[in-house]
Amino acid sequence: MSSNDQAAGPGPSGSDGPEAPDEPTATPLERLPEDDAGVTDAARDIADVGAVELITTVSVHLLSAAALRCGLAEEGEDLKDLDEARTIINALAGLVTAAAPDLGDTHARVLRDGLRSVQLAFREASVVPDRPGDGPGEKYTGAVT
């Protein structure tokens, strides 16, 4: 490498750096590959879903996963994993607490009830229960009894 190359450093003149884009910046939907219409359609479908519906749907999935991990499924002990349940319940509590003002009372109340149910199920399934206020999600919701 010559001293001129070293002084210039990597970049368009060398082969080490990225080249400047030839096209103007595109929106995320415009950057999807044109030959994969299924991906584009799925992205457009997701873009059409409102925030409240999206948050509610994700919360229901988290509630279901937490219930399974707490051993509430028919298979019970086979799917029980309290470490996983704790992580899921913490995430759910954070989501529900943060989104509650935007969800409105009707949606938030239902999600809080579901969250409380899995928090109590976790406490019941634990061999050594957490102290009140230290259970999963309780740093966001307060102690659940």
N, C-alpha and C. Protein backbone atom coordinates (compact mmCIF):
# COMPACT_ATOMS: atom_id res chain seq x y z
N MET A 1 0.84 -1.16 0.00
CA MET A 1 0.00 0.00 0.00
C MET A 1 0.89 1.23 0.00
N SER A 2 0.61 2.18 -0.84
CA SER A 2 1.44 3.39 -0.93
C SER A 2 1.08 4.35 0.19
N SER A 3 1.92 5.35 0.38
CA SER A 3 1.65 6.33 1.43
C SER A 3 0.42 7.16 1.10
N ASN A 4 0.12 7.33 -0.20
CA ASN A 4 -1.10 8.05 -0.59
C ASN A 4 -2.34 7.26 -0.19
N ASP A 5 -2.29 5.92 -0.38
CA ASP A 5 -3.42 5.08 0.00
C ASP A 5 -3.62 5.11 1.50
N GLN A 6 -2.52 5.10 2.25
CA GLN A 6 -2.64 5.12 3.71
C GLN A 6 -3.20 6.45 4.19
N ALA A 7 -2.80 7.55 3.57
CA ALA A 7 -3.28 8.86 3.97
C ALA A 7 -4.76 9.01 3.65
N ALA A 8 -5.17 8.45 2.52
CA ALA A 8 -6.57 8.57 2.12
C ALA A 8 -7.47 7.70 2.99
N GLY A 9 -6.94 6.57 3.46
CA GLY A 9 -7.73 5.65 4.29
C GLY A 9 -8.74 4.90 3.46
N PRO A 10 -9.49 4.05 4.13
CA PRO A 10 -10.50 3.27 3.41
C PRO A 10 -11.62 4.19 2.94
N GLY A 11 -12.28 3.81 1.92
CA GLY A 11 -13.39 4.61 1.40
C GLY A 11 -13.63 4.28 -0.05
N PRO A 12 -14.33 5.16 -0.73
CA PRO A 12 -14.69 4.90 -2.12
C PRO A 12 -13.49 4.69 -3.03
N SER A 13 -12.33 5.31 -2.71
CA SER A 13 -11.18 5.13 -3.58
C SER A 13 -10.53 3.77 -3.37
N GLY A 14 -10.74 3.14 -2.22
CA GLY A 14 -10.18 1.83 -1.92
C GLY A 14 -11.28 0.79 -1.95
N SER A 15 -10.93 -0.45 -1.71
CA SER A 15 -11.94 -1.51 -1.74
C SER A 15 -12.39 -1.89 -0.33
N ASP A 16 -11.89 -1.18 0.70
CA ASP A 16 -12.21 -1.56 2.07
C ASP A 16 -13.53 -0.98 2.58
N GLY A 17 -14.01 0.09 2.05
CA GLY A 17 -15.17 0.76 2.62
C GLY A 17 -16.40 0.59 1.77
N PRO A 18 -17.55 0.93 2.34
CA PRO A 18 -18.79 0.83 1.58
C PRO A 18 -18.86 1.95 0.56
N GLU A 19 -19.50 1.64 -0.53
CA GLU A 19 -19.66 2.65 -1.56
C GLU A 19 -20.90 3.47 -1.26
N ALA A 20 -20.93 4.69 -1.76
CA ALA A 20 -22.09 5.55 -1.56
C ALA A 20 -23.28 4.96 -2.29
N PRO A 21 -24.48 5.05 -1.71
CA PRO A 21 -25.66 4.47 -2.37
C PRO A 21 -25.97 5.23 -3.65
N ASP A 22 -26.38 4.48 -4.67
CA ASP A 22 -26.72 5.08 -5.95
C ASP A 22 -28.15 5.60 -5.96
N GLU A 23 -28.99 5.03 -5.06
CA GLU A 23 -30.40 5.39 -5.05
C GLU A 23 -30.71 6.26 -3.84
N PRO A 24 -31.74 7.09 -3.93
CA PRO A 24 -32.14 7.87 -2.76
C PRO A 24 -32.69 6.94 -1.68
N THR A 25 -32.74 7.45 -0.46
CA THR A 25 -33.22 6.66 0.66
C THR A 25 -34.67 6.26 0.43
N ALA A 26 -34.98 4.98 0.66
CA ALA A 26 -36.32 4.47 0.44
C ALA A 26 -36.95 4.12 1.79
N THR A 27 -38.27 4.07 1.81
CA THR A 27 -38.97 3.65 3.02
C THR A 27 -38.76 2.16 3.20
N PRO A 28 -38.98 1.63 4.42
CA PRO A 28 -38.77 0.19 4.64
C PRO A 28 -39.57 -0.69 3.68
N LEU A 29 -40.82 -0.30 3.38
CA LEU A 29 -41.62 -1.12 2.46
C LEU A 29 -41.06 -1.08 1.04
N GLU A 30 -40.47 0.05 0.65
CA GLU A 30 -39.91 0.16 -0.68
C GLU A 30 -38.60 -0.60 -0.82
N ARG A 31 -37.91 -0.89 0.30
CA ARG A 31 -36.64 -1.61 0.24
C ARG A 31 -36.83 -3.12 0.18
N LEU A 32 -38.06 -3.61 0.35
CA LEU A 32 -38.30 -5.05 0.28
C LEU A 32 -38.05 -5.54 -1.15
N PRO A 33 -37.59 -6.78 -1.28
CA PRO A 33 -37.34 -7.31 -2.62
C PRO A 33 -38.63 -7.39 -3.42
N GLU A 34 -38.55 -6.95 -4.67
CA GLU A 34 -39.73 -6.95 -5.53
C GLU A 34 -40.17 -8.35 -5.91
N ASP A 35 -39.25 -9.30 -5.95
CA ASP A 35 -39.60 -10.64 -6.38
C ASP A 35 -40.25 -11.46 -5.28
N ASP A 36 -40.36 -10.93 -4.09
CA ASP A 36 -40.98 -11.66 -3.00
C ASP A 36 -42.25 -10.94 -2.56
N ALA A 37 -43.30 -11.12 -3.33
CA ALA A 37 -44.56 -10.42 -3.09
C ALA A 37 -45.15 -10.81 -1.74
N GLY A 38 -44.93 -12.03 -1.29
CA GLY A 38 -45.47 -12.48 -0.01
C GLY A 38 -44.93 -11.66 1.15
N VAL A 39 -43.65 -11.35 1.12
CA VAL A 39 -43.04 -10.54 2.17
C VAL A 39 -43.60 -9.13 2.14
N THR A 40 -43.74 -8.58 0.96
CA THR A 40 -44.28 -7.23 0.81
C THR A 40 -45.72 -7.18 1.31
N ASP A 41 -46.53 -8.18 0.94
CA ASP A 41 -47.91 -8.23 1.39
C ASP A 41 -48.00 -8.35 2.90
N ALA A 42 -47.14 -9.20 3.49
CA ALA A 42 -47.14 -9.37 4.94
C ALA A 42 -46.76 -8.07 5.64
N ALA A 43 -45.77 -7.38 5.11
CA ALA A 43 -45.35 -6.11 5.70
C ALA A 43 -46.47 -5.08 5.61
N ARG A 44 -47.16 -5.06 4.48
CA ARG A 44 -48.27 -4.12 4.34
C ARG A 44 -49.41 -4.50 5.30
N ASP A 45 -49.67 -5.79 5.49
CA ASP A 45 -50.70 -6.23 6.44
C ASP A 45 -50.35 -5.77 7.85
N ILE A 46 -49.09 -5.93 8.24
CA ILE A 46 -48.66 -5.49 9.57
C ILE A 46 -48.79 -3.98 9.70
N ALA A 47 -48.47 -3.26 8.63
CA ALA A 47 -48.55 -1.81 8.66
C ALA A 47 -49.99 -1.33 8.82
N ASP A 48 -50.95 -2.16 8.43
CA ASP A 48 -52.36 -1.79 8.54
C ASP A 48 -52.94 -2.03 9.93
N VAL A 49 -52.22 -2.73 10.79
CA VAL A 49 -52.71 -3.05 12.13
C VAL A 49 -52.45 -1.86 13.05
N GLY A 50 -53.47 -1.47 13.78
CA GLY A 50 -53.33 -0.36 14.71
C GLY A 50 -52.49 -0.74 15.92
N ALA A 51 -51.96 0.26 16.58
CA ALA A 51 -51.07 0.04 17.73
C ALA A 51 -51.77 -0.69 18.86
N VAL A 52 -53.00 -0.32 19.17
CA VAL A 52 -53.73 -0.97 20.28
C VAL A 52 -53.94 -2.44 19.97
N GLU A 53 -54.33 -2.76 18.75
CA GLU A 53 -54.53 -4.15 18.37
C GLU A 53 -53.22 -4.93 18.41
N LEU A 54 -52.15 -4.33 17.95
CA LEU A 54 -50.85 -4.98 17.96
C LEU A 54 -50.39 -5.26 19.40
N ILE A 55 -50.47 -4.28 20.27
CA ILE A 55 -50.06 -4.45 21.66
C ILE A 55 -50.93 -5.50 22.35
N THR A 56 -52.23 -5.46 22.09
CA THR A 56 -53.13 -6.44 22.70
C THR A 56 -52.81 -7.85 22.23
N THR A 57 -52.56 -8.02 20.94
CA THR A 57 -52.24 -9.33 20.39
C THR A 57 -50.94 -9.88 20.98
N VAL A 58 -49.92 -9.05 21.03
CA VAL A 58 -48.64 -9.47 21.61
C VAL A 58 -48.82 -9.84 23.08
N SER A 59 -49.60 -9.06 23.79
CA SER A 59 -49.84 -9.33 25.21
C SER A 59 -50.56 -10.66 25.42
N VAL A 60 -51.52 -10.96 24.57
CA VAL A 60 -52.23 -12.25 24.68
C VAL A 60 -51.27 -13.40 24.42
N HIS A 61 -50.37 -13.25 23.45
CA HIS A 61 -49.38 -14.29 23.19
C HIS A 61 -48.46 -14.47 24.40
N LEU A 62 -48.03 -13.37 25.00
CA LEU A 62 -47.19 -13.46 26.20
C LEU A 62 -47.94 -14.09 27.36
N LEU A 63 -49.21 -13.73 27.52
CA LEU A 63 -50.03 -14.35 28.58
C LEU A 63 -50.13 -15.86 28.38
N SER A 64 -50.37 -16.28 27.16
CA SER A 64 -50.47 -17.72 26.87
C SER A 64 -49.16 -18.43 27.16
N ALA A 65 -48.06 -17.84 26.73
CA ALA A 65 -46.74 -18.45 26.97
C ALA A 65 -46.44 -18.52 28.46
N ALA A 66 -46.77 -17.47 29.19
CA ALA A 66 -46.52 -17.46 30.64
C ALA A 66 -47.36 -18.53 31.34
N ALA A 67 -48.62 -18.66 30.93
CA ALA A 67 -49.48 -19.68 31.54
C ALA A 67 -48.94 -21.08 31.28
N LEU A 68 -48.47 -21.34 30.06
CA LEU A 68 -47.88 -22.65 29.76
C LEU A 68 -46.66 -22.90 30.63
N ARG A 69 -45.79 -21.88 30.75
CA ARG A 69 -44.55 -22.05 31.52
C ARG A 69 -44.82 -22.16 33.02
N CYS A 70 -45.98 -21.69 33.47
CA CYS A 70 -46.35 -21.84 34.89
C CYS A 70 -46.98 -23.20 35.16
N GLY A 71 -47.15 -24.00 34.11
CA GLY A 71 -47.70 -25.34 34.28
C GLY A 71 -49.21 -25.39 34.21
N LEU A 72 -49.86 -24.42 33.60
CA LEU A 72 -51.32 -24.37 33.55
C LEU A 72 -51.91 -25.10 32.35
N ALA A 73 -51.08 -25.69 31.51
CA ALA A 73 -51.58 -26.44 30.35
C ALA A 73 -51.97 -27.85 30.79
N GLU A 74 -52.67 -28.56 29.92
CA GLU A 74 -53.05 -29.95 30.21
C GLU A 74 -51.81 -30.80 30.47
N GLU A 75 -50.72 -30.50 29.75
CA GLU A 75 -49.48 -31.25 29.92
C GLU A 75 -48.79 -30.88 31.23
N GLY A 76 -49.21 -29.76 31.83
CA GLY A 76 -48.73 -29.34 33.14
C GLY A 76 -47.24 -29.34 33.32
N GLU A 77 -46.75 -30.31 34.05
CA GLU A 77 -45.33 -30.37 34.44
C GLU A 77 -44.38 -30.50 33.25
N ASP A 78 -44.85 -31.06 32.15
CA ASP A 78 -43.97 -31.22 30.98
C ASP A 78 -43.54 -29.87 30.41
N LEU A 79 -44.41 -28.88 30.46
CA LEU A 79 -44.11 -27.57 29.88
C LEU A 79 -43.70 -26.54 30.92
N LYS A 80 -43.73 -26.92 32.17
CA LYS A 80 -43.44 -25.98 33.25
C LYS A 80 -41.96 -25.59 33.26
N ASP A 81 -41.71 -24.29 33.25
CA ASP A 81 -40.36 -23.75 33.31
C ASP A 81 -40.46 -22.37 33.94
N LEU A 82 -40.26 -22.30 35.25
CA LEU A 82 -40.49 -21.06 35.97
C LEU A 82 -39.46 -19.97 35.65
N ASP A 83 -38.26 -20.34 35.24
CA ASP A 83 -37.29 -19.33 34.82
C ASP A 83 -37.80 -18.60 33.57
N GLU A 84 -38.30 -19.38 32.62
CA GLU A 84 -38.87 -18.80 31.41
C GLU A 84 -40.13 -17.99 31.75
N ALA A 85 -40.96 -18.53 32.62
CA ALA A 85 -42.19 -17.82 33.02
C ALA A 85 -41.86 -16.47 33.64
N ARG A 86 -40.85 -16.42 34.49
CA ARG A 86 -40.46 -15.16 35.13
C ARG A 86 -40.08 -14.11 34.08
N THR A 87 -39.29 -14.52 33.09
CA THR A 87 -38.87 -13.59 32.04
C THR A 87 -40.07 -13.09 31.24
N ILE A 88 -40.95 -13.99 30.88
CA ILE A 88 -42.12 -13.61 30.09
C ILE A 88 -43.04 -12.69 30.89
N ILE A 89 -43.27 -13.01 32.15
CA ILE A 89 -44.15 -12.19 32.99
C ILE A 89 -43.54 -10.80 33.20
N ASN A 90 -42.24 -10.71 33.39
CA ASN A 90 -41.59 -9.40 33.51
C ASN A 90 -41.81 -8.57 32.24
N ALA A 91 -41.62 -9.19 31.08
CA ALA A 91 -41.82 -8.48 29.82
C ALA A 91 -43.28 -8.04 29.66
N LEU A 92 -44.19 -8.93 29.98
CA LEU A 92 -45.61 -8.62 29.89
C LEU A 92 -45.99 -7.48 30.82
N ALA A 93 -45.50 -7.52 32.05
CA ALA A 93 -45.81 -6.46 33.01
C ALA A 93 -45.29 -5.11 32.53
N GLY A 94 -44.09 -5.10 31.99
CA GLY A 94 -43.54 -3.86 31.46
C GLY A 94 -44.36 -3.32 30.30
N LEU A 95 -44.75 -4.22 29.41
CA LEU A 95 -45.54 -3.81 28.24
C LEU A 95 -46.90 -3.28 28.66
N VAL A 96 -47.59 -4.01 29.50
CA VAL A 96 -48.94 -3.60 29.93
C VAL A 96 -48.89 -2.29 30.72
N THR A 97 -47.93 -2.17 31.61
CA THR A 97 -47.81 -0.95 32.40
C THR A 97 -47.49 0.26 31.53
N ALA A 98 -46.56 0.09 30.62
CA ALA A 98 -46.16 1.21 29.76
C ALA A 98 -47.25 1.59 28.77
N ALA A 99 -47.98 0.61 28.27
CA ALA A 99 -48.97 0.87 27.22
C ALA A 99 -50.34 1.23 27.77
N ALA A 100 -50.61 0.98 29.05
CA ALA A 100 -51.94 1.18 29.62
C ALA A 100 -52.55 2.55 29.31
N PRO A 101 -51.82 3.65 29.44
CA PRO A 101 -52.44 4.94 29.14
C PRO A 101 -52.90 5.06 27.68
N ASP A 102 -52.21 4.41 26.78
CA ASP A 102 -52.57 4.48 25.37
C ASP A 102 -53.64 3.46 24.98
N LEU A 103 -53.74 2.38 25.75
CA LEU A 103 -54.70 1.33 25.44
C LEU A 103 -56.13 1.71 25.83
N GLY A 104 -56.26 2.52 26.84
CA GLY A 104 -57.58 2.84 27.35
C GLY A 104 -57.98 1.84 28.42
N ASP A 105 -58.95 2.23 29.22
CA ASP A 105 -59.34 1.44 30.38
C ASP A 105 -59.84 0.04 30.03
N THR A 106 -60.63 -0.07 28.99
CA THR A 106 -61.23 -1.37 28.64
C THR A 106 -60.16 -2.41 28.32
N HIS A 107 -59.25 -2.08 27.41
CA HIS A 107 -58.20 -3.02 27.03
C HIS A 107 -57.21 -3.24 28.17
N ALA A 108 -56.81 -2.17 28.83
CA ALA A 108 -55.80 -2.28 29.89
C ALA A 108 -56.31 -3.12 31.05
N ARG A 109 -57.56 -2.97 31.42
CA ARG A 109 -58.11 -3.73 32.55
C ARG A 109 -58.06 -5.23 32.29
N VAL A 110 -58.45 -5.64 31.10
CA VAL A 110 -58.42 -7.07 30.74
C VAL A 110 -56.99 -7.61 30.79
N LEU A 111 -56.05 -6.85 30.25
CA LEU A 111 -54.66 -7.30 30.25
C LEU A 111 -54.09 -7.33 31.67
N ARG A 112 -54.44 -6.35 32.50
CA ARG A 112 -53.98 -6.36 33.90
C ARG A 112 -54.53 -7.57 34.65
N ASP A 113 -55.79 -7.92 34.38
CA ASP A 113 -56.39 -9.10 35.03
C ASP A 113 -55.66 -10.37 34.63
N GLY A 114 -55.36 -10.50 33.34
CA GLY A 114 -54.62 -11.66 32.87
C GLY A 114 -53.22 -11.72 33.46
N LEU A 115 -52.57 -10.57 33.50
CA LEU A 115 -51.24 -10.48 34.10
C LEU A 115 -51.28 -10.91 35.56
N ARG A 116 -52.23 -10.40 36.30
CA ARG A 116 -52.36 -10.76 37.72
C ARG A 116 -52.56 -12.27 37.88
N SER A 117 -53.35 -12.86 36.99
CA SER A 117 -53.60 -14.31 37.05
C SER A 117 -52.33 -15.12 36.87
N VAL A 118 -51.49 -14.74 35.88
CA VAL A 118 -50.25 -15.50 35.69
C VAL A 118 -49.24 -15.21 36.80
N GLN A 119 -49.28 -14.01 37.36
CA GLN A 119 -48.40 -13.71 38.50
C GLN A 119 -48.78 -14.59 39.69
N LEU A 120 -50.08 -14.74 39.94
CA LEU A 120 -50.53 -15.60 41.04
C LEU A 120 -50.23 -17.07 40.75
N ALA A 121 -50.39 -17.48 39.49
CA ALA A 121 -50.07 -18.86 39.10
C ALA A 121 -48.59 -19.14 39.31
N PHE A 122 -47.75 -18.18 39.00
CA PHE A 122 -46.31 -18.33 39.21
C PHE A 122 -46.03 -18.50 40.70
N ARG A 123 -46.62 -17.65 41.52
CA ARG A 123 -46.41 -17.71 42.97
C ARG A 123 -46.84 -19.08 43.51
N GLU A 124 -47.96 -19.57 43.02
CA GLU A 124 -48.49 -20.86 43.46
C GLU A 124 -47.59 -22.01 43.01
N ALA A 125 -47.00 -21.90 41.81
CA ALA A 125 -46.16 -22.97 41.27
C ALA A 125 -44.76 -22.99 41.86
N SER A 126 -44.35 -21.89 42.48
CA SER A 126 -42.99 -21.79 43.02
C SER A 126 -42.85 -22.61 44.29
N VAL A 127 -41.76 -23.36 44.36
CA VAL A 127 -41.46 -24.14 45.56
C VAL A 127 -41.08 -23.19 46.70
N VAL A 128 -40.27 -22.19 46.36
CA VAL A 128 -39.88 -21.17 47.32
C VAL A 128 -40.43 -19.84 46.81
N PRO A 129 -41.57 -19.40 47.34
CA PRO A 129 -42.18 -18.18 46.82
C PRO A 129 -41.32 -16.94 47.05
N ASP A 130 -41.42 -16.01 46.13
CA ASP A 130 -40.74 -14.72 46.27
C ASP A 130 -41.44 -13.92 47.36
N ARG A 131 -40.68 -13.00 47.97
CA ARG A 131 -41.28 -12.08 48.93
C ARG A 131 -42.28 -11.19 48.19
N PRO A 132 -43.32 -10.72 48.85
CA PRO A 132 -44.25 -9.79 48.19
C PRO A 132 -43.49 -8.58 47.63
N GLY A 133 -43.75 -8.29 46.38
CA GLY A 133 -43.07 -7.20 45.70
C GLY A 133 -41.85 -7.63 44.91
N ASP A 134 -41.38 -8.88 45.13
CA ASP A 134 -40.20 -9.38 44.42
C ASP A 134 -40.54 -10.41 43.34
N GLY A 135 -41.81 -10.73 43.19
CA GLY A 135 -42.22 -11.70 42.19
C GLY A 135 -42.08 -11.14 40.78
N PRO A 136 -42.29 -11.99 39.78
CA PRO A 136 -42.13 -11.53 38.40
C PRO A 136 -43.13 -10.42 38.06
N GLY A 137 -42.61 -9.35 37.51
CA GLY A 137 -43.44 -8.23 37.09
C GLY A 137 -43.87 -7.29 38.20
N GLU A 138 -43.58 -7.66 39.45
CA GLU A 138 -44.09 -6.85 40.56
C GLU A 138 -43.37 -5.52 40.71
N LYS A 139 -42.21 -5.38 40.10
CA LYS A 139 -41.56 -4.06 40.15
C LYS A 139 -42.33 -3.07 39.29
N TYR A 140 -43.15 -3.57 38.36
CA TYR A 140 -43.97 -2.71 37.51
C TYR A 140 -45.41 -2.58 38.04
N THR A 141 -45.91 -3.65 38.67
CA THR A 141 -47.32 -3.69 39.06
C THR A 141 -47.55 -3.51 40.55
N GLY A 142 -46.50 -3.62 41.34
CA GLY A 142 -46.66 -3.66 42.79
C GLY A 142 -46.91 -5.09 43.23
N ALA A 143 -46.93 -5.31 44.52
CA ALA A 143 -47.09 -6.66 45.05
C ALA A 143 -48.45 -7.24 44.67
N VAL A 144 -48.44 -8.52 44.32
CA VAL A 144 -49.67 -9.24 43.96
C VAL A 144 -49.94 -10.27 45.04
N THR A 145 -51.13 -10.19 45.62
CA THR A 145 -51.49 -11.17 46.67
C THR A 145 -52.81 -11.82 46.37
